[in-house]
């Protein structure tokens, strides 16, 4: 694999996730139409590049600013019939893409002084990202077990 993710994998992953979001987000937020979500995903890589570049130079993550920009633009575009909800949903879409780029830049800056390869770093990032999921499932299991014990104790 070398020291990088092949370009076609990155682009195809982004396109697949964008297509899923274009279908699902308008179902969840009816005020935000499919073409609004499409525009968010078209604009987000450009904003993410600018944010990652700025975060690499200054350690300053401006993703919330880009999210607010999307909030105001899309809320104004949708208008009075659901504009606030559409703006908040568009803000969430843009914020998630732009913030991830800056977070990766910060992590790569942290890993650069150490002799850590990009492939190892990517695997460690995936493991760390799944860590809350493991604890969340454990917490849900223990909560259900406690509730089941309480119900059994009341029945006996």
Protein backbone atom coordinates (compact mmCIF):
# COMPACT_ATOMS: atom_id res chain seq x y z
CA UNK A 1 0.00 0.00 0.00
CA UNK A 2 2.91 2.33 0.53
CA UNK A 3 2.65 5.52 2.54
CA UNK A 4 -0.67 6.79 1.34
CA UNK A 5 -4.24 5.96 0.58
CA UNK A 6 -4.83 5.58 -3.17
CA UNK A 7 -6.61 8.59 -4.59
CA UNK A 8 -9.40 6.53 -6.14
CA UNK A 9 -10.25 4.99 -2.75
CA UNK A 10 -10.47 8.41 -1.11
CA UNK A 11 -12.65 9.85 -3.86
CA UNK A 12 -14.92 6.81 -4.11
CA UNK A 13 -15.40 6.74 -0.33
CA UNK A 14 -16.30 10.42 -0.28
CA UNK A 15 -18.73 10.02 -3.19
CA UNK A 16 -20.42 6.97 -1.63
CA UNK A 17 -20.85 8.68 1.74
CA UNK A 18 -22.11 11.84 0.05
CA UNK A 19 -24.64 9.83 -1.95
CA UNK A 20 -25.90 8.16 1.23
CA UNK A 21 -26.16 11.57 2.93
CA UNK A 22 -27.98 13.10 -0.06
CA UNK A 23 -30.63 10.41 0.27
CA UNK A 24 -30.88 10.14 4.08
CA UNK A 25 -30.54 13.74 5.33
CA UNK A 26 -33.60 15.09 3.44
CA UNK A 27 -35.63 12.25 4.95
CA UNK A 28 -34.56 13.26 8.45
CA UNK A 29 -34.79 17.02 7.81
CA UNK A 30 -37.47 17.63 5.14
CA UNK A 31 -36.70 21.37 4.91
CA UNK A 32 -33.21 20.54 3.62
CA UNK A 33 -33.60 19.34 0.03
CA UNK A 34 -31.28 16.95 -1.77
CA UNK A 35 -29.66 19.74 -3.78
CA UNK A 36 -28.84 21.61 -0.57
CA UNK A 37 -26.98 18.56 0.75
CA UNK A 38 -25.27 18.14 -2.63
CA UNK A 39 -24.06 21.74 -2.49
CA UNK A 40 -22.77 21.17 1.05
CA UNK A 41 -20.74 18.19 -0.12
CA UNK A 42 -19.45 20.06 -3.18
CA UNK A 43 -18.32 23.08 -1.12
CA UNK A 44 -17.03 21.16 1.90
CA UNK A 45 -13.76 19.82 0.39
CA UNK A 46 -12.67 23.32 -0.61
CA UNK A 47 -13.45 24.68 2.84
CA UNK A 48 -11.81 21.63 4.43
CA UNK A 49 -8.62 22.27 2.49
CA UNK A 50 -8.53 25.89 3.64
CA UNK A 51 -9.23 24.88 7.23
CA UNK A 52 -6.61 22.11 7.23
CA UNK A 53 -4.03 24.45 5.72
CA UNK A 54 -4.77 27.11 8.33
CA UNK A 55 -4.74 24.53 11.14
CA UNK A 56 -1.39 23.25 9.90
CA UNK A 57 0.14 26.71 9.93
CA UNK A 58 -1.39 28.18 13.06
CA UNK A 59 -2.92 25.37 15.20
CA UNK A 60 -6.21 27.21 14.88
CA UNK A 61 -9.28 25.19 13.89
CA UNK A 62 -11.89 27.45 12.24
CA UNK A 63 -14.39 24.70 11.44
CA UNK A 64 -17.08 26.28 13.60
CA UNK A 65 -16.76 29.45 11.53
CA UNK A 66 -17.28 27.51 8.30
CA UNK A 67 -20.25 25.75 9.91
CA UNK A 68 -21.80 29.10 10.83
CA UNK A 69 -21.27 30.29 7.28
CA UNK A 70 -23.24 27.27 6.06
CA UNK A 71 -25.90 27.88 8.70
CA UNK A 72 -26.57 31.44 7.61
CA UNK A 73 -26.39 30.72 3.87
CA UNK A 74 -28.71 27.73 3.91
CA UNK A 75 -31.14 29.20 6.45
CA UNK A 76 -31.46 32.26 4.22
CA UNK A 77 -31.79 30.15 1.10
CA UNK A 78 -34.57 27.95 2.49
CA UNK A 79 -36.43 30.91 3.97
CA UNK A 80 -39.13 31.09 6.59
CA UNK A 81 -40.54 27.60 6.05
CA UNK A 82 -38.00 25.48 7.98
CA UNK A 83 -34.97 27.67 7.36
CA UNK A 84 -33.59 27.35 10.87
CA UNK A 85 -33.71 23.55 10.84
CA UNK A 86 -32.25 23.42 7.33
CA UNK A 87 -29.48 25.82 8.33
CA UNK A 88 -28.59 23.79 11.42
CA UNK A 89 -28.55 20.55 9.43
CA UNK A 90 -26.35 22.10 6.72
CA UNK A 91 -24.10 23.48 9.46
CA UNK A 92 -23.72 19.97 10.86
CA UNK A 93 -22.84 18.51 7.46
CA UNK A 94 -20.26 21.17 6.67
CA UNK A 95 -18.85 21.19 10.19
CA UNK A 96 -18.31 17.43 10.22
CA UNK A 97 -16.35 17.44 6.97
CA UNK A 98 -14.32 20.58 7.71
CA UNK A 99 -13.53 19.64 11.33
CA UNK A 100 -12.31 16.19 10.33
CA UNK A 101 -9.76 17.71 7.94
CA UNK A 102 -8.35 19.97 10.65
CA UNK A 103 -8.29 17.13 13.19
CA UNK A 104 -6.35 14.95 10.78
CA UNK A 105 -3.90 17.78 10.15
CA UNK A 106 -3.33 18.19 13.89
CA UNK A 107 -2.87 14.44 14.34
CA UNK A 108 -0.43 14.23 11.45
CA UNK A 109 1.54 17.16 12.89
CA UNK A 110 1.70 15.30 16.19
CA UNK A 111 2.80 12.04 14.57
CA UNK A 112 5.37 13.62 12.24
CA UNK A 113 8.20 14.05 14.78
CA UNK A 114 7.91 10.38 15.71
CA UNK A 115 8.93 7.72 13.20
CA UNK A 116 5.31 6.64 12.71
CA UNK A 117 4.21 5.61 9.24
CA UNK A 118 0.95 6.82 7.74
CA UNK A 119 -0.39 3.26 7.51
CA UNK A 120 0.23 2.61 11.22
CA UNK A 121 -1.23 5.93 12.10
CA UNK A 122 -4.38 5.24 10.07
CA UNK A 123 -4.93 1.89 11.80
CA UNK A 124 -4.44 3.51 15.21
CA UNK A 125 -6.91 6.26 14.30
CA UNK A 126 -9.55 3.67 13.31
CA UNK A 127 -9.00 1.79 16.58
CA UNK A 128 -9.28 4.99 18.60
CA UNK A 129 -12.42 6.01 16.73
CA UNK A 130 -14.11 2.72 17.55
CA UNK A 131 -13.18 2.98 21.24
CA UNK A 132 -16.35 4.85 22.34
CA UNK A 133 -18.43 2.32 20.47
CA UNK A 134 -16.98 -0.53 22.52
CA UNK A 135 -17.57 1.28 25.79
CA UNK A 136 -21.03 2.37 24.66
CA UNK A 137 -22.04 -1.23 23.98
CA UNK A 138 -20.55 -2.29 27.33
CA UNK A 139 -22.46 0.49 29.11
CA UNK A 140 -25.69 -0.50 27.38
CA UNK A 141 -25.15 -4.13 28.29
CA UNK A 142 -24.48 -3.34 31.95
CA UNK A 143 -27.48 -0.99 32.09
CA UNK A 144 -29.78 -3.66 30.64
CA UNK A 145 -28.33 -6.25 32.99
CA UNK A 146 -28.97 -3.97 35.98
CA UNK A 147 -32.54 -3.31 34.87
CA UNK A 148 -33.13 -7.03 34.34
CA UNK A 149 -31.79 -7.75 37.84
CA UNK A 150 -34.13 -5.11 39.27
CA UNK A 151 -37.13 -6.59 37.45
CA UNK A 152 -36.26 -10.13 38.57
CA UNK A 153 -35.78 -8.91 42.15
CA UNK A 154 -39.24 -7.29 42.11
CA UNK A 155 -40.83 -10.44 40.71
CA UNK A 156 -39.30 -12.71 43.35
